[in-house]
Amino acid sequence: MADKIIIRRATREDADTIAHFNRQMAEETEGKSLDRETVRNGVQALFADPSRGFYLVAVRDERIVGSLMITTEWSDWRNGTFWWIQSVYVRPEARRSGVYRALHRAVRRQARDVEEVCGLRLYVERGNEAARETYEAMGMTETSYRMYEEML
């Protein structure tokens, strides 16, 4: 079947594609132009230290059409780990064709196989209604938390 989506763990050979996706996502969702080398080094750093997380890629017709990153957060309240879904990107021509759904389902399946994982989380840019609708369609609910940061 030509339209079949295959989800797999990303490898170092996928780093350039993932870095490109990350830069595209930042530009599309936040209007930010990220430094190519910094992003590439960041992607490579995750491959160099798997304790930081992992990437999944969606492949259709032997071409990567989407990706996401999983990082972890320990919750002492739940005595468990949340998997954070981050750096989600689907090529524009592949959107609304089940790519993110396939990625999300793979994350959910893998998380359920890891006893300490207690839930999935992600954050979304306030004005990104399409993403919010997609995440809600996957069964995720908006929380009451606001996110703050201090860049160092």
C-alpha atoms as a PDB file:
ATOM      1  CA  MET A   1       0.000   0.000   0.000  1.00  0.00           C
ATOM      2  CA  ALA A   2       1.612   3.263  -1.155  1.00  0.00           C
ATOM      3  CA  ASP A   3      -0.014   5.447   1.503  1.00  0.00           C
ATOM      4  CA  LYS A   4       1.050   3.355   4.493  1.00  0.00           C
ATOM      5  CA  ILE A   5       2.692   5.327   7.308  1.00  0.00           C
ATOM      6  CA  ILE A   6       5.554   3.606   9.082  1.00  0.00           C
ATOM      7  CA  ILE A   7       6.571   4.916  12.501  1.00  0.00           C
ATOM      8  CA  ARG A   8      10.092   4.197  13.685  1.00  0.00           C
ATOM      9  CA  ARG A   9      12.709   5.492  16.097  1.00  0.00           C
ATOM     10  CA  ALA A  10      14.846   8.092  14.443  1.00  0.00           C
ATOM     11  CA  THR A  11      18.527   7.442  13.884  1.00  0.00           C
ATOM     12  CA  ARG A  12      21.512   9.759  13.531  1.00  0.00           C
ATOM     13  CA  GLU A  13      21.015   9.572   9.770  1.00  0.00           C
ATOM     14  CA  ASP A  14      17.707  11.414  10.240  1.00  0.00           C
ATOM     15  CA  ALA A  15      19.296  14.338  12.125  1.00  0.00           C
ATOM     16  CA  ASP A  16      19.427  16.776   9.202  1.00  0.00           C
ATOM     17  CA  THR A  17      15.772  16.178   8.356  1.00  0.00           C
ATOM     18  CA  ILE A  18      14.716  16.577  11.983  1.00  0.00           C
ATOM     19  CA  ALA A  19      16.763  19.761  12.359  1.00  0.00           C
ATOM     20  CA  HIS A  20      15.135  21.125   9.201  1.00  0.00           C
ATOM     21  CA  PHE A  21      11.683  20.230  10.550  1.00  0.00           C
ATOM     22  CA  ASN A  22      12.467  21.962  13.858  1.00  0.00           C
ATOM     23  CA  ARG A  23      13.496  25.153  12.086  1.00  0.00           C
ATOM     24  CA  GLN A  24      10.388  25.044   9.886  1.00  0.00           C
ATOM     25  CA  MET A  25       8.137  24.493  12.909  1.00  0.00           C
ATOM     26  CA  ALA A  26       9.636  27.473  14.762  1.00  0.00           C
ATOM     27  CA  GLU A  27       9.168  29.685  11.714  1.00  0.00           C
ATOM     28  CA  GLU A  28       5.599  28.549  11.023  1.00  0.00           C
ATOM     29  CA  THR A  29       4.269  28.560  14.587  1.00  0.00           C
ATOM     30  CA  GLU A  30       6.202  31.376  16.254  1.00  0.00           C
ATOM     31  CA  GLY A  31       7.780  33.361  13.430  1.00  0.00           C
ATOM     32  CA  LYS A  32      11.224  32.519  14.844  1.00  0.00           C
ATOM     33  CA  SER A  33      14.258  31.971  12.672  1.00  0.00           C
ATOM     34  CA  LEU A  34      16.495  29.488  14.486  1.00  0.00           C
ATOM     35  CA  ASP A  35      20.206  29.140  13.834  1.00  0.00           C
ATOM     36  CA  ARG A  36      20.767  26.098  11.597  1.00  0.00           C
ATOM     37  CA  GLU A  37      23.950  24.900  13.318  1.00  0.00           C
ATOM     38  CA  THR A  38      22.573  25.352  16.842  1.00  0.00           C
ATOM     39  CA  VAL A  39      19.485  23.298  16.020  1.00  0.00           C
ATOM     40  CA  ARG A  40      21.522  20.608  14.274  1.00  0.00           C
ATOM     41  CA  ASN A  41      23.863  20.391  17.278  1.00  0.00           C
ATOM     42  CA  GLY A  42      20.837  20.153  19.582  1.00  0.00           C
ATOM     43  CA  VAL A  43      19.378  17.283  17.584  1.00  0.00           C
ATOM     44  CA  GLN A  44      22.749  15.522  17.531  1.00  0.00           C
ATOM     45  CA  ALA A  45      23.076  16.000  21.321  1.00  0.00           C
ATOM     46  CA  LEU A  46      19.924  13.960  21.876  1.00  0.00           C
ATOM     47  CA  PHE A  47      21.317  11.110  19.791  1.00  0.00           C
ATOM     48  CA  ALA A  48      24.605  11.316  21.710  1.00  0.00           C
ATOM     49  CA  ASP A  49      22.812  11.049  25.074  1.00  0.00           C
ATOM     50  CA  PRO A  50      19.678   8.858  24.877  1.00  0.00           C
ATOM     51  CA  SER A  51      18.807   9.721  28.499  1.00  0.00           C
ATOM     52  CA  ARG A  52      17.628  13.080  27.119  1.00  0.00           C
ATOM     53  CA  GLY A  53      14.880  11.456  25.069  1.00  0.00           C
ATOM     54  CA  PHE A  54      14.269  10.145  21.588  1.00  0.00           C
ATOM     55  CA  TYR A  55      12.718  11.035  18.253  1.00  0.00           C
ATOM     56  CA  LEU A  56      10.110   9.171  16.287  1.00  0.00           C
ATOM     57  CA  VAL A  57       9.694   9.689  12.555  1.00  0.00           C
ATOM     58  CA  ALA A  58       6.790   8.954  10.269  1.00  0.00           C
ATOM     59  CA  VAL A  59       7.775   7.550   6.887  1.00  0.00           C
ATOM     60  CA  ARG A  60       5.533   7.353   3.840  1.00  0.00           C
ATOM     61  CA  ASP A  61       6.782   6.140   0.467  1.00  0.00           C
ATOM     62  CA  GLU A  62      10.348   5.958   1.883  1.00  0.00           C
ATOM     63  CA  ARG A  63      10.300   9.688   2.787  1.00  0.00           C
ATOM     64  CA  ILE A  64      10.153  11.153   6.285  1.00  0.00           C
ATOM     65  CA  VAL A  65       6.915  13.131   6.430  1.00  0.00           C
ATOM     66  CA  GLY A  66       6.768  13.900  10.148  1.00  0.00           C
ATOM     67  CA  SER A  67       8.617  13.699  13.420  1.00  0.00           C
ATOM     68  CA  LEU A  68       8.383  14.392  17.114  1.00  0.00           C
ATOM     69  CA  MET A  69      10.635  14.271  20.139  1.00  0.00           C
ATOM     70  CA  ILE A  70       9.956  12.671  23.509  1.00  0.00           C
ATOM     71  CA  THR A  71      11.586  14.017  26.663  1.00  0.00           C
ATOM     72  CA  THR A  72      10.798  13.025  30.229  1.00  0.00           C
ATOM     73  CA  GLU A  73       9.758  14.729  33.449  1.00  0.00           C
ATOM     74  CA  TRP A  74       9.728  13.007  36.815  1.00  0.00           C
ATOM     75  CA  SER A  75       6.583  13.636  38.889  1.00  0.00           C
ATOM     76  CA  ASP A  76       6.966  13.152  42.616  1.00  0.00           C
ATOM     77  CA  TRP A  77       3.200  13.700  42.949  1.00  0.00           C
ATOM     78  CA  ARG A  78       2.556  10.608  40.871  1.00  0.00           C
ATOM     79  CA  ASN A  79       5.766   8.671  41.491  1.00  0.00           C
ATOM     80  CA  GLY A  80       6.008   8.354  37.733  1.00  0.00           C
ATOM     81  CA  THR A  81       7.358   9.879  34.566  1.00  0.00           C
ATOM     82  CA  PHE A  82       5.544  12.054  32.068  1.00  0.00           C
ATOM     83  CA  TRP A  83       6.564  11.778  28.456  1.00  0.00           C
ATOM     84  CA  TRP A  84       6.578  15.232  26.876  1.00  0.00           C
ATOM     85  CA  ILE A  85       5.737  15.330  23.174  1.00  0.00           C
ATOM     86  CA  GLN A  86       7.818  18.110  21.639  1.00  0.00           C
ATOM     87  CA  SER A  87       9.117  19.385  18.322  1.00  0.00           C
ATOM     88  CA  VAL A  88       6.119  18.043  16.417  1.00  0.00           C
ATOM     89  CA  TYR A  89       6.306  18.638  12.690  1.00  0.00           C
ATOM     90  CA  VAL A  90       4.477  17.236   9.685  1.00  0.00           C
ATOM     91  CA  ARG A  91       5.364  18.315   6.161  1.00  0.00           C
ATOM     92  CA  PRO A  92       2.662  20.679   4.839  1.00  0.00           C
ATOM     93  CA  GLU A  93       1.684  18.354   1.994  1.00  0.00           C
ATOM     94  CA  ALA A  94       1.219  15.479   4.467  1.00  0.00           C
ATOM     95  CA  ARG A  95      -0.935  17.310   6.992  1.00  0.00           C
ATOM     96  CA  ARG A  96      -4.480  16.110   7.703  1.00  0.00           C
ATOM     97  CA  SER A  97      -3.621  12.689   6.308  1.00  0.00           C
ATOM     98  CA  GLY A  98      -3.106  10.741   9.540  1.00  0.00           C
ATOM     99  CA  VAL A  99       0.616  11.343  10.050  1.00  0.00           C
ATOM    100  CA  TYR A 100       0.344  12.939  13.490  1.00  0.00           C
ATOM    101  CA  ARG A 101      -2.337  10.439  14.501  1.00  0.00           C
ATOM    102  CA  ALA A 102       0.048   7.589  13.662  1.00  0.00           C
ATOM    103  CA  LEU A 103       2.899   9.243  15.588  1.00  0.00           C
ATOM    104  CA  HIS A 104       0.684   9.895  18.627  1.00  0.00           C
ATOM    105  CA  ARG A 105      -0.659   6.357  18.689  1.00  0.00           C
ATOM    106  CA  ALA A 106       2.890   4.988  18.527  1.00  0.00           C
ATOM    107  CA  VAL A 107       3.913   7.213  21.450  1.00  0.00           C
ATOM    108  CA  ARG A 108       0.892   6.075  23.449  1.00  0.00           C
ATOM    109  CA  ARG A 109       1.614   2.390  22.738  1.00  0.00           C
ATOM    110  CA  GLN A 110       5.265   2.733  23.675  1.00  0.00           C
ATOM    111  CA  ALA A 111       4.453   4.716  26.830  1.00  0.00           C
ATOM    112  CA  ARG A 112       2.007   2.057  28.003  1.00  0.00           C
ATOM    113  CA  ASP A 113       4.793  -0.508  27.712  1.00  0.00           C
ATOM    114  CA  VAL A 114       6.982   1.437  30.166  1.00  0.00           C
ATOM    115  CA  GLU A 115       5.663   0.858  33.684  1.00  0.00           C
ATOM    116  CA  GLU A 116       6.862   4.161  35.165  1.00  0.00           C
ATOM    117  CA  VAL A 117       5.207   6.356  32.503  1.00  0.00           C
ATOM    118  CA  CYS A 118       2.119   7.922  34.048  1.00  0.00           C
ATOM    119  CA  GLY A 119       1.024  10.217  31.227  1.00  0.00           C
ATOM    120  CA  LEU A 120       1.698  12.218  28.097  1.00  0.00           C
ATOM    121  CA  ARG A 121       2.033  15.990  27.987  1.00  0.00           C
ATOM    122  CA  LEU A 122       2.747  18.657  25.430  1.00  0.00           C
ATOM    123  CA  TYR A 123       2.529  22.382  25.058  1.00  0.00           C
ATOM    124  CA  VAL A 124       1.124  24.277  22.114  1.00  0.00           C
ATOM    125  CA  GLU A 125       1.432  27.864  20.926  1.00  0.00           C
ATOM    126  CA  ARG A 126      -1.693  29.786  22.018  1.00  0.00           C
ATOM    127  CA  GLY A 127      -2.830  30.722  18.526  1.00  0.00           C
ATOM    128  CA  ASN A 128      -2.236  27.315  16.939  1.00  0.00           C
ATOM    129  CA  GLU A 129      -5.875  26.234  16.733  1.00  0.00           C
ATOM    130  CA  ALA A 130      -5.233  23.470  14.210  1.00  0.00           C
ATOM    131  CA  ALA A 131      -2.753  21.803  16.562  1.00  0.00           C
ATOM    132  CA  ARG A 132      -5.092  22.193  19.544  1.00  0.00           C
ATOM    133  CA  GLU A 133      -7.917  20.543  17.610  1.00  0.00           C
ATOM    134  CA  THR A 134      -5.624  17.698  16.592  1.00  0.00           C
ATOM    135  CA  TYR A 135      -4.430  17.064  20.155  1.00  0.00           C
ATOM    136  CA  GLU A 136      -7.966  17.175  21.529  1.00  0.00           C
ATOM    137  CA  ALA A 137      -9.089  14.726  18.835  1.00  0.00           C
ATOM    138  CA  MET A 138      -6.386  12.363  20.139  1.00  0.00           C
ATOM    139  CA  GLY A 139      -7.953  12.494  23.606  1.00  0.00           C
ATOM    140  CA  MET A 140      -5.692  15.085  25.219  1.00  0.00           C
ATOM    141  CA  THR A 141      -7.204  17.790  27.404  1.00  0.00           C
ATOM    142  CA  GLU A 142      -6.036  21.307  28.150  1.00  0.00           C
ATOM    143  CA  THR A 143      -4.712  21.761  31.683  1.00  0.00           C
ATOM    144  CA  SER A 144      -5.050  24.738  33.989  1.00  0.00           C
ATOM    145  CA  TYR A 145      -1.299  25.369  34.058  1.00  0.00           C
ATOM    146  CA  ARG A 146       0.433  28.298  32.411  1.00  0.00           C
ATOM    147  CA  MET A 147       3.996  27.972  31.285  1.00  0.00           C
ATOM    148  CA  TYR A 148       6.731  30.374  32.411  1.00  0.00           C
ATOM    149  CA  GLU A 149      10.363  30.481  31.469  1.00  0.00           C
ATOM    150  CA  GLU A 150      13.540  32.367  32.175  1.00  0.00           C
ATOM    151  CA  MET A 151      16.184  32.111  29.493  1.00  0.00           C
ATOM    152  CA  LEU A 152      19.760  31.935  30.770  1.00  0.00           C
END
